[in-house]
Amino acid sequence: MGKSTVAQLLAQRGVAVVDTDVLARKVVEPGQPALLTIQEMFGAAVLAPDGSLRREELARRVFASDMSRKQLEAILHPRIRELWQAQVAEWRAAGVKLGVVVIPLLYETNTAKSFDKVICVACSPVSQQQRLAARGWTPEQIQQRIGAQWTIDRKMTQADYVVWTEGTPEVTLAQLDRILAAN
């Protein structure tokens, strides 16, 4: 959809940003309790010889089964939420006026109510599939991931703002500047 690009553009504008995808990687680093729990639940095959998470193997397992995906989410989401909430608390204590938390599954995790405003970053389904295919994902993997989320139309209707990322970075930046000016 372009969430990472939008986050980078906001950071360049001086907005404090925390990305929960980054936090998700942090909570499964070797030695972290979440990684041990994942190994216990999904087996040793999800770990590489160096003790790191084999993301592709875990994804293969969890996106093939709604129950497995929900089990993984139950392990990860509370830990990720704790980290971004701690970051927001630090920002508040430091007097930061504007901060953004990038949460790909904002609505699916029932987290939208935690924020003053929500920006939905969106593109057409065709562009979304092309962008995911460019990451090396198969059509089946793309459909599994898209199927595990709310539709983009549903997300856009719930958001306070929508940033449409079909255009150039300059067009995206102009949309963000209008949103920043309104807040």
N, C-alpha and C. Protein backbone atom coordinates (compact mmCIF):
# COMPACT_ATOMS: atom_id res chain seq x y z
N MET A 1 0.81 -1.21 0.00
CA MET A 1 0.00 0.00 0.00
C MET A 1 0.85 1.27 0.00
N GLY A 2 2.05 1.20 0.57
CA GLY A 2 2.91 2.37 0.63
C GLY A 2 3.12 2.91 2.03
N LYS A 3 2.80 2.12 3.05
CA LYS A 3 2.92 2.60 4.43
C LYS A 3 4.35 3.01 4.79
N SER A 4 5.33 2.24 4.36
CA SER A 4 6.73 2.56 4.69
C SER A 4 7.16 3.86 4.04
N THR A 5 6.75 4.07 2.80
CA THR A 5 7.09 5.32 2.11
C THR A 5 6.45 6.51 2.82
N VAL A 6 5.19 6.37 3.18
CA VAL A 6 4.49 7.45 3.89
C VAL A 6 5.17 7.71 5.23
N ALA A 7 5.55 6.67 5.93
CA ALA A 7 6.24 6.84 7.22
C ALA A 7 7.55 7.60 7.03
N GLN A 8 8.30 7.26 5.99
CA GLN A 8 9.56 7.96 5.72
C GLN A 8 9.32 9.42 5.40
N LEU A 9 8.29 9.70 4.60
CA LEU A 9 7.98 11.09 4.25
C LEU A 9 7.57 11.89 5.48
N LEU A 10 6.79 11.28 6.36
CA LEU A 10 6.40 11.96 7.60
C LEU A 10 7.62 12.22 8.48
N ALA A 11 8.49 11.24 8.60
CA ALA A 11 9.72 11.42 9.40
C ALA A 11 10.56 12.56 8.82
N GLN A 12 10.62 12.66 7.50
CA GLN A 12 11.37 13.76 6.86
C GLN A 12 10.75 15.11 7.17
N ARG A 13 9.46 15.12 7.50
CA ARG A 13 8.75 16.35 7.87
C ARG A 13 8.88 16.63 9.37
N GLY A 14 9.65 15.79 10.08
CA GLY A 14 9.85 16.01 11.50
C GLY A 14 8.84 15.35 12.40
N VAL A 15 8.00 14.49 11.85
CA VAL A 15 7.00 13.80 12.64
C VAL A 15 7.65 12.57 13.29
N ALA A 16 7.38 12.37 14.56
CA ALA A 16 7.87 11.18 15.26
C ALA A 16 7.09 9.97 14.73
N VAL A 17 7.81 8.91 14.37
CA VAL A 17 7.18 7.73 13.77
C VAL A 17 7.72 6.47 14.44
N VAL A 18 6.81 5.55 14.74
CA VAL A 18 7.18 4.20 15.14
C VAL A 18 6.40 3.24 14.25
N ASP A 19 7.09 2.26 13.70
CA ASP A 19 6.50 1.31 12.77
C ASP A 19 6.38 -0.04 13.46
N THR A 20 5.17 -0.55 13.57
CA THR A 20 4.98 -1.81 14.28
C THR A 20 5.57 -3.00 13.53
N ASP A 21 5.82 -2.87 12.23
CA ASP A 21 6.53 -3.95 11.53
C ASP A 21 7.95 -4.08 12.07
N VAL A 22 8.58 -2.95 12.38
CA VAL A 22 9.92 -2.96 12.98
C VAL A 22 9.84 -3.57 14.37
N LEU A 23 8.83 -3.20 15.13
CA LEU A 23 8.65 -3.76 16.48
C LEU A 23 8.40 -5.27 16.41
N ALA A 24 7.65 -5.71 15.41
CA ALA A 24 7.37 -7.13 15.26
C ALA A 24 8.65 -7.93 15.04
N ARG A 25 9.59 -7.35 14.32
CA ARG A 25 10.87 -8.02 14.12
C ARG A 25 11.69 -8.05 15.43
N LYS A 26 11.56 -6.98 16.18
CA LYS A 26 12.30 -6.87 17.44
C LYS A 26 11.85 -7.93 18.46
N VAL A 27 10.55 -8.17 18.54
CA VAL A 27 10.05 -9.09 19.57
C VAL A 27 10.34 -10.56 19.25
N VAL A 28 10.80 -10.84 18.02
CA VAL A 28 11.12 -12.23 17.67
C VAL A 28 12.61 -12.43 17.44
N GLU A 29 13.42 -11.50 17.90
CA GLU A 29 14.87 -11.68 17.80
C GLU A 29 15.30 -12.83 18.72
N PRO A 30 16.41 -13.48 18.39
CA PRO A 30 16.90 -14.55 19.27
C PRO A 30 17.04 -14.06 20.71
N GLY A 31 16.58 -14.90 21.63
CA GLY A 31 16.64 -14.56 23.04
C GLY A 31 15.37 -13.91 23.57
N GLN A 32 14.48 -13.49 22.67
CA GLN A 32 13.24 -12.86 23.11
C GLN A 32 12.21 -13.94 23.50
N PRO A 33 11.44 -13.69 24.54
CA PRO A 33 10.45 -14.69 24.98
C PRO A 33 9.45 -15.09 23.89
N ALA A 34 9.07 -14.14 23.03
CA ALA A 34 8.10 -14.46 21.98
C ALA A 34 8.65 -15.53 21.03
N LEU A 35 9.93 -15.48 20.75
CA LEU A 35 10.52 -16.46 19.84
C LEU A 35 10.44 -17.86 20.45
N LEU A 36 10.71 -17.97 21.73
CA LEU A 36 10.61 -19.27 22.40
C LEU A 36 9.17 -19.79 22.35
N THR A 37 8.23 -18.91 22.59
CA THR A 37 6.82 -19.31 22.55
C THR A 37 6.42 -19.75 21.15
N ILE A 38 6.90 -19.04 20.13
CA ILE A 38 6.62 -19.41 18.75
C ILE A 38 7.20 -20.79 18.45
N GLN A 39 8.43 -21.02 18.90
CA GLN A 39 9.07 -22.32 18.67
C GLN A 39 8.27 -23.44 19.36
N GLU A 40 7.83 -23.18 20.58
CA GLU A 40 7.05 -24.19 21.30
C GLU A 40 5.74 -24.49 20.59
N MET A 41 5.12 -23.47 20.02
CA MET A 41 3.82 -23.65 19.39
C MET A 41 3.92 -24.23 17.98
N PHE A 42 4.93 -23.79 17.22
CA PHE A 42 4.99 -24.15 15.80
C PHE A 42 6.12 -25.12 15.46
N GLY A 43 6.96 -25.44 16.43
CA GLY A 43 8.01 -26.43 16.20
C GLY A 43 9.35 -25.82 15.84
N ALA A 44 10.39 -26.63 15.98
CA ALA A 44 11.77 -26.18 15.75
C ALA A 44 12.03 -25.81 14.30
N ALA A 45 11.21 -26.28 13.37
CA ALA A 45 11.42 -25.97 11.94
C ALA A 45 11.26 -24.49 11.62
N VAL A 46 10.66 -23.72 12.54
CA VAL A 46 10.51 -22.28 12.28
C VAL A 46 11.76 -21.49 12.67
N LEU A 47 12.76 -22.20 13.20
CA LEU A 47 14.02 -21.54 13.57
C LEU A 47 15.13 -21.95 12.62
N ALA A 48 15.95 -21.00 12.26
CA ALA A 48 17.14 -21.24 11.44
C ALA A 48 18.24 -21.82 12.34
N PRO A 49 19.28 -22.39 11.76
CA PRO A 49 20.38 -22.93 12.58
C PRO A 49 21.00 -21.91 13.54
N ASP A 50 20.98 -20.63 13.16
CA ASP A 50 21.55 -19.60 14.04
C ASP A 50 20.59 -19.15 15.13
N GLY A 51 19.40 -19.75 15.20
CA GLY A 51 18.44 -19.41 16.23
C GLY A 51 17.48 -18.30 15.85
N SER A 52 17.63 -17.75 14.66
CA SER A 52 16.72 -16.70 14.22
C SER A 52 15.45 -17.31 13.63
N LEU A 53 14.43 -16.51 13.53
CA LEU A 53 13.15 -16.96 13.01
C LEU A 53 13.22 -17.14 11.50
N ARG A 54 12.73 -18.26 11.03
CA ARG A 54 12.59 -18.51 9.59
C ARG A 54 11.21 -17.98 9.22
N ARG A 55 11.15 -16.71 8.85
CA ARG A 55 9.89 -16.03 8.59
C ARG A 55 9.06 -16.71 7.50
N GLU A 56 9.73 -17.14 6.44
CA GLU A 56 9.00 -17.76 5.34
C GLU A 56 8.30 -19.03 5.79
N GLU A 57 8.98 -19.83 6.60
CA GLU A 57 8.39 -21.07 7.09
C GLU A 57 7.23 -20.78 8.03
N LEU A 58 7.41 -19.82 8.92
CA LEU A 58 6.32 -19.47 9.83
C LEU A 58 5.13 -18.94 9.05
N ALA A 59 5.39 -18.05 8.08
CA ALA A 59 4.30 -17.50 7.27
C ALA A 59 3.56 -18.61 6.52
N ARG A 60 4.31 -19.55 5.98
CA ARG A 60 3.69 -20.66 5.25
C ARG A 60 2.70 -21.39 6.16
N ARG A 61 3.09 -21.59 7.39
CA ARG A 61 2.23 -22.30 8.34
C ARG A 61 1.03 -21.48 8.78
N VAL A 62 1.26 -20.23 9.15
CA VAL A 62 0.16 -19.45 9.75
C VAL A 62 -0.84 -18.94 8.72
N PHE A 63 -0.40 -18.69 7.49
CA PHE A 63 -1.36 -18.22 6.50
C PHE A 63 -2.13 -19.36 5.85
N ALA A 64 -1.76 -20.59 6.17
CA ALA A 64 -2.50 -21.75 5.68
C ALA A 64 -3.63 -22.13 6.64
N SER A 65 -3.64 -21.51 7.81
CA SER A 65 -4.63 -21.88 8.83
C SER A 65 -5.02 -20.66 9.64
N ASP A 66 -6.30 -20.33 9.65
CA ASP A 66 -6.77 -19.20 10.46
C ASP A 66 -6.44 -19.41 11.94
N MET A 67 -6.58 -20.64 12.42
CA MET A 67 -6.29 -20.91 13.82
C MET A 67 -4.81 -20.65 14.13
N SER A 68 -3.92 -21.09 13.26
CA SER A 68 -2.48 -20.86 13.48
C SER A 68 -2.16 -19.37 13.44
N ARG A 69 -2.79 -18.66 12.50
CA ARG A 69 -2.55 -17.21 12.41
C ARG A 69 -3.02 -16.52 13.68
N LYS A 70 -4.17 -16.90 14.19
CA LYS A 70 -4.68 -16.30 15.43
C LYS A 70 -3.78 -16.64 16.62
N GLN A 71 -3.23 -17.85 16.64
CA GLN A 71 -2.30 -18.23 17.71
C GLN A 71 -1.05 -17.35 17.66
N LEU A 72 -0.52 -17.14 16.46
CA LEU A 72 0.66 -16.28 16.33
C LEU A 72 0.32 -14.85 16.74
N GLU A 73 -0.80 -14.35 16.30
CA GLU A 73 -1.21 -13.00 16.67
C GLU A 73 -1.35 -12.85 18.18
N ALA A 74 -1.84 -13.89 18.84
CA ALA A 74 -1.98 -13.85 20.30
C ALA A 74 -0.62 -13.76 20.99
N ILE A 75 0.39 -14.30 20.36
CA ILE A 75 1.75 -14.20 20.90
C ILE A 75 2.34 -12.82 20.64
N LEU A 76 2.18 -12.34 19.42
CA LEU A 76 2.88 -11.13 19.00
C LEU A 76 2.17 -9.82 19.33
N HIS A 77 0.88 -9.75 19.06
CA HIS A 77 0.19 -8.46 19.15
C HIS A 77 0.27 -7.80 20.53
N PRO A 78 0.09 -8.52 21.63
CA PRO A 78 0.21 -7.84 22.93
C PRO A 78 1.62 -7.27 23.17
N ARG A 79 2.64 -7.98 22.74
CA ARG A 79 4.01 -7.50 22.92
C ARG A 79 4.28 -6.27 22.06
N ILE A 80 3.80 -6.31 20.83
CA ILE A 80 3.98 -5.17 19.92
C ILE A 80 3.22 -3.96 20.46
N ARG A 81 2.01 -4.18 20.90
CA ARG A 81 1.19 -3.08 21.46
C ARG A 81 1.89 -2.45 22.66
N GLU A 82 2.45 -3.27 23.52
CA GLU A 82 3.17 -2.75 24.69
C GLU A 82 4.32 -1.84 24.26
N LEU A 83 5.04 -2.22 23.22
CA LEU A 83 6.18 -1.40 22.76
C LEU A 83 5.73 -0.08 22.15
N TRP A 84 4.70 -0.11 21.27
CA TRP A 84 4.30 1.17 20.69
C TRP A 84 3.63 2.07 21.72
N GLN A 85 2.93 1.48 22.67
CA GLN A 85 2.33 2.30 23.73
C GLN A 85 3.42 2.95 24.59
N ALA A 86 4.49 2.22 24.85
CA ALA A 86 5.61 2.80 25.60
C ALA A 86 6.24 3.95 24.81
N GLN A 87 6.35 3.80 23.50
CA GLN A 87 6.90 4.87 22.67
C GLN A 87 6.01 6.11 22.72
N VAL A 88 4.73 5.91 22.61
CA VAL A 88 3.78 7.03 22.68
C VAL A 88 3.88 7.72 24.04
N ALA A 89 4.01 6.96 25.11
CA ALA A 89 4.15 7.54 26.45
C ALA A 89 5.43 8.37 26.54
N GLU A 90 6.51 7.87 25.94
CA GLU A 90 7.77 8.65 25.91
C GLU A 90 7.58 9.95 25.15
N TRP A 91 6.90 9.90 24.02
CA TRP A 91 6.64 11.11 23.24
C TRP A 91 5.85 12.12 24.07
N ARG A 92 4.82 11.64 24.74
CA ARG A 92 3.99 12.54 25.56
C ARG A 92 4.82 13.18 26.67
N ALA A 93 5.63 12.37 27.33
CA ALA A 93 6.47 12.88 28.41
C ALA A 93 7.47 13.91 27.90
N ALA A 94 7.91 13.75 26.67
CA ALA A 94 8.89 14.66 26.08
C ALA A 94 8.22 15.87 25.42
N GLY A 95 6.89 15.91 25.42
CA GLY A 95 6.18 17.04 24.81
C GLY A 95 6.10 17.00 23.30
N VAL A 96 6.27 15.83 22.73
CA VAL A 96 6.16 15.69 21.27
C VAL A 96 4.71 16.00 20.88
N LYS A 97 4.55 16.92 19.94
CA LYS A 97 3.21 17.37 19.56
C LYS A 97 2.48 16.42 18.61
N LEU A 98 3.26 15.75 17.73
CA LEU A 98 2.64 14.90 16.72
C LEU A 98 3.46 13.64 16.53
N GLY A 99 2.81 12.50 16.68
CA GLY A 99 3.47 11.22 16.48
C GLY A 99 2.58 10.30 15.68
N VAL A 100 3.22 9.41 14.95
CA VAL A 100 2.49 8.47 14.11
C VAL A 100 2.93 7.05 14.45
N VAL A 101 1.96 6.19 14.63
CA VAL A 101 2.22 4.77 14.84
C VAL A 101 1.70 4.04 13.60
N VAL A 102 2.59 3.38 12.90
CA VAL A 102 2.22 2.64 11.69
C VAL A 102 1.80 1.24 12.11
N ILE A 103 0.52 0.92 11.88
CA ILE A 103 -0.03 -0.37 12.28
C ILE A 103 -0.77 -0.97 11.09
N PRO A 104 -0.15 -1.93 10.40
CA PRO A 104 -0.82 -2.52 9.24
C PRO A 104 -2.18 -3.15 9.55
N LEU A 105 -2.34 -3.75 10.71
CA LEU A 105 -3.60 -4.39 11.09
C LEU A 105 -4.35 -3.57 12.13
N LEU A 106 -4.39 -2.27 11.94
CA LEU A 106 -5.01 -1.36 12.90
C LEU A 106 -6.44 -1.76 13.25
N TYR A 107 -7.25 -1.93 12.23
CA TYR A 107 -8.66 -2.25 12.47
C TYR A 107 -8.84 -3.69 12.91
N GLU A 108 -8.07 -4.58 12.32
CA GLU A 108 -8.18 -5.99 12.66
C GLU A 108 -7.82 -6.26 14.12
N THR A 109 -6.97 -5.41 14.70
CA THR A 109 -6.57 -5.56 16.10
C THR A 109 -7.40 -4.68 17.03
N ASN A 110 -8.42 -4.04 16.47
CA ASN A 110 -9.32 -3.18 17.26
C ASN A 110 -8.54 -2.10 18.01
N THR A 111 -7.61 -1.47 17.31
CA THR A 111 -6.72 -0.50 17.93
C THR A 111 -7.01 0.94 17.52
N ALA A 112 -7.85 1.15 16.53
CA ALA A 112 -8.09 2.50 16.01
C ALA A 112 -8.55 3.47 17.09
N LYS A 113 -9.29 2.98 18.05
CA LYS A 113 -9.83 3.86 19.11
C LYS A 113 -8.72 4.45 19.99
N SER A 114 -7.52 3.93 19.88
CA SER A 114 -6.39 4.43 20.67
C SER A 114 -5.82 5.73 20.12
N PHE A 115 -6.29 6.17 18.96
CA PHE A 115 -5.67 7.30 18.28
C PHE A 115 -6.65 8.43 18.05
N ASP A 116 -6.10 9.65 18.01
CA ASP A 116 -6.92 10.82 17.74
C ASP A 116 -7.41 10.86 16.30
N LYS A 117 -6.55 10.48 15.39
CA LYS A 117 -6.86 10.46 13.95
C LYS A 117 -6.23 9.24 13.31
N VAL A 118 -6.85 8.76 12.25
CA VAL A 118 -6.33 7.61 11.52
C VAL A 118 -6.15 8.00 10.05
N ILE A 119 -4.97 7.71 9.54
CA ILE A 119 -4.67 7.88 8.12
C ILE A 119 -4.59 6.49 7.51
N CYS A 120 -5.40 6.24 6.51
CA CYS A 120 -5.33 4.99 5.77
C CYS A 120 -4.48 5.23 4.53
N VAL A 121 -3.44 4.43 4.37
CA VAL A 121 -2.59 4.49 3.19
C VAL A 121 -3.09 3.42 2.24
N ALA A 122 -3.44 3.82 1.01
CA ALA A 122 -4.11 2.89 0.11
C ALA A 122 -3.66 3.04 -1.33
N CYS A 123 -3.86 1.96 -2.07
CA CYS A 123 -3.66 1.96 -3.51
C CYS A 123 -4.66 0.98 -4.10
N SER A 124 -4.69 0.88 -5.39
CA SER A 124 -5.63 -0.04 -6.05
C SER A 124 -5.23 -1.48 -5.77
N PRO A 125 -6.18 -2.40 -5.84
CA PRO A 125 -5.83 -3.82 -5.67
C PRO A 125 -4.78 -4.30 -6.67
N VAL A 126 -4.84 -3.80 -7.89
CA VAL A 126 -3.85 -4.19 -8.90
C VAL A 126 -2.46 -3.75 -8.47
N SER A 127 -2.33 -2.50 -8.03
CA SER A 127 -1.02 -2.02 -7.56
C SER A 127 -0.56 -2.78 -6.33
N GLN A 128 -1.48 -3.06 -5.42
CA GLN A 128 -1.13 -3.81 -4.22
C GLN A 128 -0.54 -5.17 -4.60
N GLN A 129 -1.20 -5.86 -5.51
CA GLN A 129 -0.71 -7.18 -5.92
C GLN A 129 0.63 -7.07 -6.64
N GLN A 130 0.80 -6.05 -7.46
CA GLN A 130 2.08 -5.86 -8.15
C GLN A 130 3.19 -5.57 -7.16
N ARG A 131 2.93 -4.76 -6.17
CA ARG A 131 3.94 -4.43 -5.16
C ARG A 131 4.32 -5.65 -4.34
N LEU A 132 3.35 -6.47 -3.99
CA LEU A 132 3.65 -7.68 -3.23
C LEU A 132 4.38 -8.71 -4.09
N ALA A 133 4.01 -8.81 -5.36
CA ALA A 133 4.71 -9.73 -6.26
C ALA A 133 6.16 -9.29 -6.44
N ALA A 134 6.40 -7.99 -6.43
CA ALA A 134 7.78 -7.47 -6.56
C ALA A 134 8.63 -7.87 -5.36
N ARG A 135 8.00 -8.21 -4.25
CA ARG A 135 8.72 -8.70 -3.06
C ARG A 135 9.05 -10.18 -3.18
N GLY A 136 8.57 -10.80 -4.26
CA GLY A 136 8.84 -12.21 -4.46
C GLY A 136 7.74 -13.12 -3.97
N TRP A 137 6.60 -12.57 -3.59
CA TRP A 137 5.50 -13.39 -3.09
C TRP A 137 4.76 -14.03 -4.26
N THR A 138 4.30 -15.25 -4.06
CA THR A 138 3.51 -15.94 -5.07
C THR A 138 2.08 -15.41 -5.04
N PRO A 139 1.31 -15.65 -6.11
CA PRO A 139 -0.10 -15.23 -6.08
C PRO A 139 -0.86 -15.83 -4.88
N GLU A 140 -0.55 -17.07 -4.52
CA GLU A 140 -1.20 -17.70 -3.37
C GLU A 140 -0.85 -16.97 -2.07
N GLN A 141 0.42 -16.63 -1.89
CA GLN A 141 0.84 -15.91 -0.69
C GLN A 141 0.18 -14.54 -0.62
N ILE A 142 0.08 -13.88 -1.75
CA ILE A 142 -0.57 -12.57 -1.80
C ILE A 142 -2.03 -12.69 -1.37
N GLN A 143 -2.74 -13.66 -1.92
CA GLN A 143 -4.16 -13.83 -1.58
C GLN A 143 -4.34 -14.21 -0.12
N GLN A 144 -3.44 -15.02 0.42
CA GLN A 144 -3.54 -15.40 1.84
C GLN A 144 -3.42 -14.16 2.72
N ARG A 145 -2.47 -13.31 2.43
CA ARG A 145 -2.25 -12.12 3.26
C ARG A 145 -3.37 -11.11 3.10
N ILE A 146 -3.80 -10.88 1.88
CA ILE A 146 -4.90 -9.95 1.66
C ILE A 146 -6.18 -10.48 2.31
N GLY A 147 -6.39 -11.79 2.22
CA GLY A 147 -7.58 -12.40 2.80
C GLY A 147 -7.62 -12.35 4.32
N ALA A 148 -6.47 -12.15 4.95
CA ALA A 148 -6.39 -12.10 6.41
C ALA A 148 -6.65 -10.69 6.95
N GLN A 149 -6.95 -9.75 6.04
CA GLN A 149 -7.14 -8.35 6.44
C GLN A 149 -8.52 -7.85 6.01
N TRP A 150 -8.90 -6.74 6.62
CA TRP A 150 -10.08 -6.03 6.13
C TRP A 150 -9.81 -5.60 4.69
N THR A 151 -10.85 -5.40 3.91
CA THR A 151 -10.67 -4.86 2.57
C THR A 151 -10.23 -3.40 2.67
N ILE A 152 -9.53 -2.96 1.65
CA ILE A 152 -9.06 -1.57 1.66
C ILE A 152 -10.24 -0.60 1.63
N ASP A 153 -11.31 -0.95 0.94
CA ASP A 153 -12.49 -0.09 0.92
C ASP A 153 -13.06 0.09 2.33
N ARG A 154 -13.10 -0.99 3.07
CA ARG A 154 -13.62 -0.93 4.45
C ARG A 154 -12.72 -0.07 5.31
N LYS A 155 -11.40 -0.23 5.16
CA LYS A 155 -10.46 0.58 5.94
C LYS A 155 -10.60 2.06 5.60
N MET A 156 -10.74 2.36 4.32
CA MET A 156 -10.84 3.77 3.91
C MET A 156 -12.08 4.44 4.49
N THR A 157 -13.19 3.69 4.57
CA THR A 157 -14.42 4.29 5.10
C THR A 157 -14.31 4.57 6.60
N GLN A 158 -13.45 3.85 7.30
CA GLN A 158 -13.28 4.03 8.75
C GLN A 158 -12.28 5.13 9.09
N ALA A 159 -11.36 5.43 8.19
CA ALA A 159 -10.27 6.37 8.47
C ALA A 159 -10.72 7.83 8.44
N ASP A 160 -9.97 8.66 9.14
CA ASP A 160 -10.20 10.11 9.09
C ASP A 160 -9.64 10.70 7.81
N TYR A 161 -8.53 10.14 7.34
CA TYR A 161 -7.87 10.60 6.12
C TYR A 161 -7.44 9.38 5.30
N VAL A 162 -7.37 9.57 3.98
CA VAL A 162 -6.84 8.54 3.09
C VAL A 162 -5.73 9.17 2.27
N VAL A 163 -4.59 8.50 2.23
CA VAL A 163 -3.50 8.89 1.36
C VAL A 163 -3.45 7.85 0.25
N TRP A 164 -3.71 8.29 -0.97
CA TRP A 164 -3.75 7.40 -2.13
C TRP A 164 -2.37 7.41 -2.76
N THR A 165 -1.73 6.25 -2.80
CA THR A 165 -0.32 6.16 -3.18
C THR A 165 -0.09 5.69 -4.61
N GLU A 166 -1.02 5.94 -5.49
CA GLU A 166 -0.86 5.55 -6.89
C GLU A 166 0.05 6.53 -7.65
N GLY A 167 0.17 7.75 -7.15
CA GLY A 167 0.92 8.77 -7.87
C GLY A 167 2.40 8.79 -7.52
N THR A 168 3.03 9.87 -7.88
CA THR A 168 4.45 10.07 -7.60
C THR A 168 4.65 10.35 -6.11
N PRO A 169 5.88 10.23 -5.62
CA PRO A 169 6.14 10.61 -4.23
C PRO A 169 5.75 12.06 -3.93
N GLU A 170 5.87 12.92 -4.92
CA GLU A 170 5.49 14.32 -4.73
C GLU A 170 3.99 14.46 -4.48
N VAL A 171 3.20 13.67 -5.18
CA VAL A 171 1.74 13.70 -4.98
C VAL A 171 1.40 13.17 -3.58
N THR A 172 2.07 12.10 -3.19
CA THR A 172 1.86 11.55 -1.84
C THR A 172 2.24 12.59 -0.79
N LEU A 173 3.37 13.24 -0.99
CA LEU A 173 3.82 14.26 -0.04
C LEU A 173 2.84 15.43 0.04
N ALA A 174 2.27 15.82 -1.08
CA ALA A 174 1.29 16.90 -1.07
C ALA A 174 0.06 16.52 -0.26
N GLN A 175 -0.37 15.26 -0.37
CA GLN A 175 -1.49 14.78 0.45
C GLN A 175 -1.15 14.84 1.94
N LEU A 176 0.06 14.40 2.27
CA LEU A 176 0.48 14.43 3.67
C LEU A 176 0.58 15.85 4.20
N ASP A 177 1.09 16.74 3.38
CA ASP A 177 1.21 18.15 3.81
C ASP A 177 -0.16 18.75 4.11
N ARG A 178 -1.19 18.39 3.32
CA ARG A 178 -2.55 18.88 3.58
C ARG A 178 -3.06 18.33 4.92
N ILE A 179 -2.76 17.06 5.18
CA ILE A 179 -3.20 16.45 6.44
C ILE A 179 -2.48 17.12 7.61
N LEU A 180 -1.18 17.30 7.48
CA LEU A 180 -0.40 17.94 8.57
C LEU A 180 -0.88 19.37 8.82
N ALA A 181 -1.21 20.08 7.77
CA ALA A 181 -1.68 21.46 7.92
C ALA A 181 -3.02 21.52 8.64
N ALA A 182 -3.83 20.48 8.49
CA ALA A 182 -5.15 20.44 9.12
C ALA A 182 -5.08 20.04 10.59
N ASN A 183 -3.91 19.59 11.04
CA ASN A 183 -3.81 19.10 12.42
C ASN A 183 -2.82 19.91 13.16
